[in-house]
């Protein structure tokens, strides 16, 4: 069995703040200097008070329920960052038709979203 793929890189820091790194070079930091970086590119870099046991992994993976993925994954768009739940059906279809470079697990999540919408009607 293969390892689940990362869909959303989200952590609660020792200060209780929630950070989400959306892409490879998205360095995000809390008020105490704790940080994450790396997006969903297959690695996560955590810094600051890394020995503190109060870091909480809130990451979303490809084997998580679709309802969780559709609300927490962030897609960069001209209007900013949007979740699949916020995207129009046409927007998702355009992503699938034109963005051939996206990882397969992200493509599958968008296909799942289209299926989810059909089932909700």
C-alpha atoms as a PDB file:
ATOM      1  CA  UNK A   1       0.000   0.000   0.000  1.00  0.00           C
ATOM      2  CA  UNK A   2       1.325   3.452  -0.891  1.00  0.00           C
ATOM      3  CA  UNK A   3       1.669   6.289   1.576  1.00  0.00           C
ATOM      4  CA  UNK A   4      -1.168   8.828   1.553  1.00  0.00           C
ATOM      5  CA  UNK A   5      -0.251  12.035  -0.293  1.00  0.00           C
ATOM      6  CA  UNK A   6      -0.330  15.434   1.401  1.00  0.00           C
ATOM      7  CA  UNK A   7      -3.335  17.588   0.392  1.00  0.00           C
ATOM      8  CA  UNK A   8      -3.037  20.425   2.924  1.00  0.00           C
ATOM      9  CA  UNK A   9      -0.017  21.263   5.098  1.00  0.00           C
ATOM     10  CA  UNK A  10      -1.627  22.604   8.289  1.00  0.00           C
ATOM     11  CA  UNK A  11      -0.183  22.727  11.820  1.00  0.00           C
ATOM     12  CA  UNK A  12      -1.221  24.204  15.171  1.00  0.00           C
ATOM     13  CA  UNK A  13       1.876  25.776  16.704  1.00  0.00           C
ATOM     14  CA  UNK A  14       2.737  25.803  20.426  1.00  0.00           C
ATOM     15  CA  UNK A  15       1.090  29.254  20.629  1.00  0.00           C
ATOM     16  CA  UNK A  16      -2.209  27.742  19.454  1.00  0.00           C
ATOM     17  CA  UNK A  17      -2.064  29.561  16.106  1.00  0.00           C
ATOM     18  CA  UNK A  18      -2.892  27.549  12.983  1.00  0.00           C
ATOM     19  CA  UNK A  19      -0.529  27.837  10.033  1.00  0.00           C
ATOM     20  CA  UNK A  20      -1.067  26.560   6.490  1.00  0.00           C
ATOM     21  CA  UNK A  21       1.726  26.454   3.910  1.00  0.00           C
ATOM     22  CA  UNK A  22       0.053  26.296   0.499  1.00  0.00           C
ATOM     23  CA  UNK A  23       2.988  25.901  -1.882  1.00  0.00           C
ATOM     24  CA  UNK A  24       6.682  25.041  -1.925  1.00  0.00           C
ATOM     25  CA  UNK A  25       7.917  28.553  -1.105  1.00  0.00           C
ATOM     26  CA  UNK A  26       5.075  29.566   1.232  1.00  0.00           C
ATOM     27  CA  UNK A  27       6.906  30.292   4.489  1.00  0.00           C
ATOM     28  CA  UNK A  28       4.338  31.093   7.208  1.00  0.00           C
ATOM     29  CA  UNK A  29       5.121  32.124  10.768  1.00  0.00           C
ATOM     30  CA  UNK A  30       3.202  32.591  14.006  1.00  0.00           C
ATOM     31  CA  UNK A  31       3.593  35.458  16.477  1.00  0.00           C
ATOM     32  CA  UNK A  32       6.353  33.624  18.394  1.00  0.00           C
ATOM     33  CA  UNK A  33       8.497  32.854  15.346  1.00  0.00           C
ATOM     34  CA  UNK A  34       7.447  29.222  14.897  1.00  0.00           C
ATOM     35  CA  UNK A  35       7.115  28.436  11.199  1.00  0.00           C
ATOM     36  CA  UNK A  36       6.244  25.899   8.543  1.00  0.00           C
ATOM     37  CA  UNK A  37       7.239  25.820   4.907  1.00  0.00           C
ATOM     38  CA  UNK A  38       7.051  23.474   1.936  1.00  0.00           C
ATOM     39  CA  UNK A  39       3.384  23.426   0.939  1.00  0.00           C
ATOM     40  CA  UNK A  40       2.235  20.047  -0.350  1.00  0.00           C
ATOM     41  CA  UNK A  41       5.438  19.283  -2.222  1.00  0.00           C
ATOM     42  CA  UNK A  42       6.191  16.190  -0.175  1.00  0.00           C
ATOM     43  CA  UNK A  43       8.207  17.748   2.631  1.00  0.00           C
ATOM     44  CA  UNK A  44       7.392  19.982   5.529  1.00  0.00           C
ATOM     45  CA  UNK A  45       9.949  22.151   7.228  1.00  0.00           C
ATOM     46  CA  UNK A  46       9.073  23.155  10.769  1.00  0.00           C
ATOM     47  CA  UNK A  47      11.092  25.621  12.800  1.00  0.00           C
ATOM     48  CA  UNK A  48      11.108  27.606  15.971  1.00  0.00           C
ATOM     49  CA  UNK A  49      10.231  25.755  19.164  1.00  0.00           C
ATOM     50  CA  UNK A  50      10.384  22.328  17.499  1.00  0.00           C
ATOM     51  CA  UNK A  51      11.096  20.466  20.742  1.00  0.00           C
ATOM     52  CA  UNK A  52       7.822  21.716  22.216  1.00  0.00           C
ATOM     53  CA  UNK A  53       5.332  18.845  22.284  1.00  0.00           C
ATOM     54  CA  UNK A  54       2.438  21.225  21.631  1.00  0.00           C
ATOM     55  CA  UNK A  55       2.822  21.159  17.836  1.00  0.00           C
ATOM     56  CA  UNK A  56      -0.359  19.538  16.465  1.00  0.00           C
ATOM     57  CA  UNK A  57      -0.469  17.983  13.009  1.00  0.00           C
ATOM     58  CA  UNK A  58      -3.706  19.097  11.294  1.00  0.00           C
ATOM     59  CA  UNK A  59      -2.550  18.036   7.824  1.00  0.00           C
ATOM     60  CA  UNK A  60      -5.005  16.635   5.300  1.00  0.00           C
ATOM     61  CA  UNK A  61      -4.060  13.555   3.277  1.00  0.00           C
ATOM     62  CA  UNK A  62      -5.351  11.886   0.135  1.00  0.00           C
ATOM     63  CA  UNK A  63      -7.007   9.119   2.168  1.00  0.00           C
ATOM     64  CA  UNK A  64      -9.006  11.571   4.326  1.00  0.00           C
ATOM     65  CA  UNK A  65     -12.748  11.994   3.682  1.00  0.00           C
ATOM     66  CA  UNK A  66     -13.540  14.172   0.681  1.00  0.00           C
ATOM     67  CA  UNK A  67     -15.613  16.547   2.838  1.00  0.00           C
ATOM     68  CA  UNK A  68     -12.432  17.427   4.750  1.00  0.00           C
ATOM     69  CA  UNK A  69     -10.307  17.840   1.607  1.00  0.00           C
ATOM     70  CA  UNK A  70     -12.841  20.093  -0.162  1.00  0.00           C
ATOM     71  CA  UNK A  71     -12.892  22.520   2.786  1.00  0.00           C
ATOM     72  CA  UNK A  72      -9.161  22.664   3.623  1.00  0.00           C
ATOM     73  CA  UNK A  73      -7.166  22.314   0.379  1.00  0.00           C
ATOM     74  CA  UNK A  74      -6.285  25.734  -1.100  1.00  0.00           C
ATOM     75  CA  UNK A  75      -5.983  26.392  -4.838  1.00  0.00           C
ATOM     76  CA  UNK A  76      -4.225  29.539  -6.035  1.00  0.00           C
ATOM     77  CA  UNK A  77      -6.443  31.519  -8.381  1.00  0.00           C
ATOM     78  CA  UNK A  78      -6.512  35.032  -9.844  1.00  0.00           C
ATOM     79  CA  UNK A  79      -8.833  36.060  -7.022  1.00  0.00           C
ATOM     80  CA  UNK A  80      -6.621  34.579  -4.302  1.00  0.00           C
ATOM     81  CA  UNK A  81      -6.712  31.235  -2.525  1.00  0.00           C
ATOM     82  CA  UNK A  82      -9.934  29.229  -2.752  1.00  0.00           C
ATOM     83  CA  UNK A  83     -11.072  25.813  -1.574  1.00  0.00           C
ATOM     84  CA  UNK A  84     -12.646  23.304  -3.962  1.00  0.00           C
ATOM     85  CA  UNK A  85     -15.933  23.921  -2.123  1.00  0.00           C
ATOM     86  CA  UNK A  86     -15.700  27.609  -3.120  1.00  0.00           C
ATOM     87  CA  UNK A  87     -14.761  26.974  -6.749  1.00  0.00           C
ATOM     88  CA  UNK A  88     -17.393  26.846  -9.474  1.00  0.00           C
ATOM     89  CA  UNK A  89     -17.858  23.621 -11.385  1.00  0.00           C
ATOM     90  CA  UNK A  90     -16.619  25.411 -14.501  1.00  0.00           C
ATOM     91  CA  UNK A  91     -13.454  26.519 -12.694  1.00  0.00           C
ATOM     92  CA  UNK A  92     -12.699  22.972 -11.541  1.00  0.00           C
ATOM     93  CA  UNK A  93     -13.280  21.615 -15.042  1.00  0.00           C
ATOM     94  CA  UNK A  94     -10.965  24.298 -16.476  1.00  0.00           C
ATOM     95  CA  UNK A  95      -8.268  23.261 -13.980  1.00  0.00           C
ATOM     96  CA  UNK A  96      -8.638  19.627 -15.021  1.00  0.00           C
ATOM     97  CA  UNK A  97      -8.553  20.543 -18.724  1.00  0.00           C
ATOM     98  CA  UNK A  98      -5.607  22.935 -18.635  1.00  0.00           C
ATOM     99  CA  UNK A  99      -3.368  22.252 -15.623  1.00  0.00           C
ATOM    100  CA  UNK A 100      -1.643  19.077 -16.745  1.00  0.00           C
ATOM    101  CA  UNK A 101       1.267  19.572 -14.319  1.00  0.00           C
ATOM    102  CA  UNK A 102      -0.719  19.169 -11.091  1.00  0.00           C
ATOM    103  CA  UNK A 103       0.040  16.073  -9.017  1.00  0.00           C
ATOM    104  CA  UNK A 104      -2.216  13.090  -9.654  1.00  0.00           C
ATOM    105  CA  UNK A 105      -3.614  13.074  -6.100  1.00  0.00           C
ATOM    106  CA  UNK A 106      -4.728  16.711  -6.514  1.00  0.00           C
ATOM    107  CA  UNK A 107      -6.278  15.911  -9.899  1.00  0.00           C
ATOM    108  CA  UNK A 108      -8.137  12.995  -8.288  1.00  0.00           C
ATOM    109  CA  UNK A 109      -9.414  15.300  -5.533  1.00  0.00           C
ATOM    110  CA  UNK A 110     -10.882  17.680  -8.145  1.00  0.00           C
ATOM    111  CA  UNK A 111     -12.525  14.735  -9.941  1.00  0.00           C
ATOM    112  CA  UNK A 112     -13.940  13.620  -6.569  1.00  0.00           C
ATOM    113  CA  UNK A 113     -15.339  17.130  -6.072  1.00  0.00           C
ATOM    114  CA  UNK A 114     -17.186  17.010  -9.376  1.00  0.00           C
ATOM    115  CA  UNK A 115     -18.592  13.602  -8.457  1.00  0.00           C
ATOM    116  CA  UNK A 116     -19.532  14.874  -4.988  1.00  0.00           C
ATOM    117  CA  UNK A 117     -21.519  17.720  -6.554  1.00  0.00           C
ATOM    118  CA  UNK A 118     -23.407  15.337  -8.843  1.00  0.00           C
ATOM    119  CA  UNK A 119     -24.313  13.151  -5.872  1.00  0.00           C
ATOM    120  CA  UNK A 120     -25.510  16.164  -3.821  1.00  0.00           C
ATOM    121  CA  UNK A 121     -28.083  17.204  -6.444  1.00  0.00           C
END
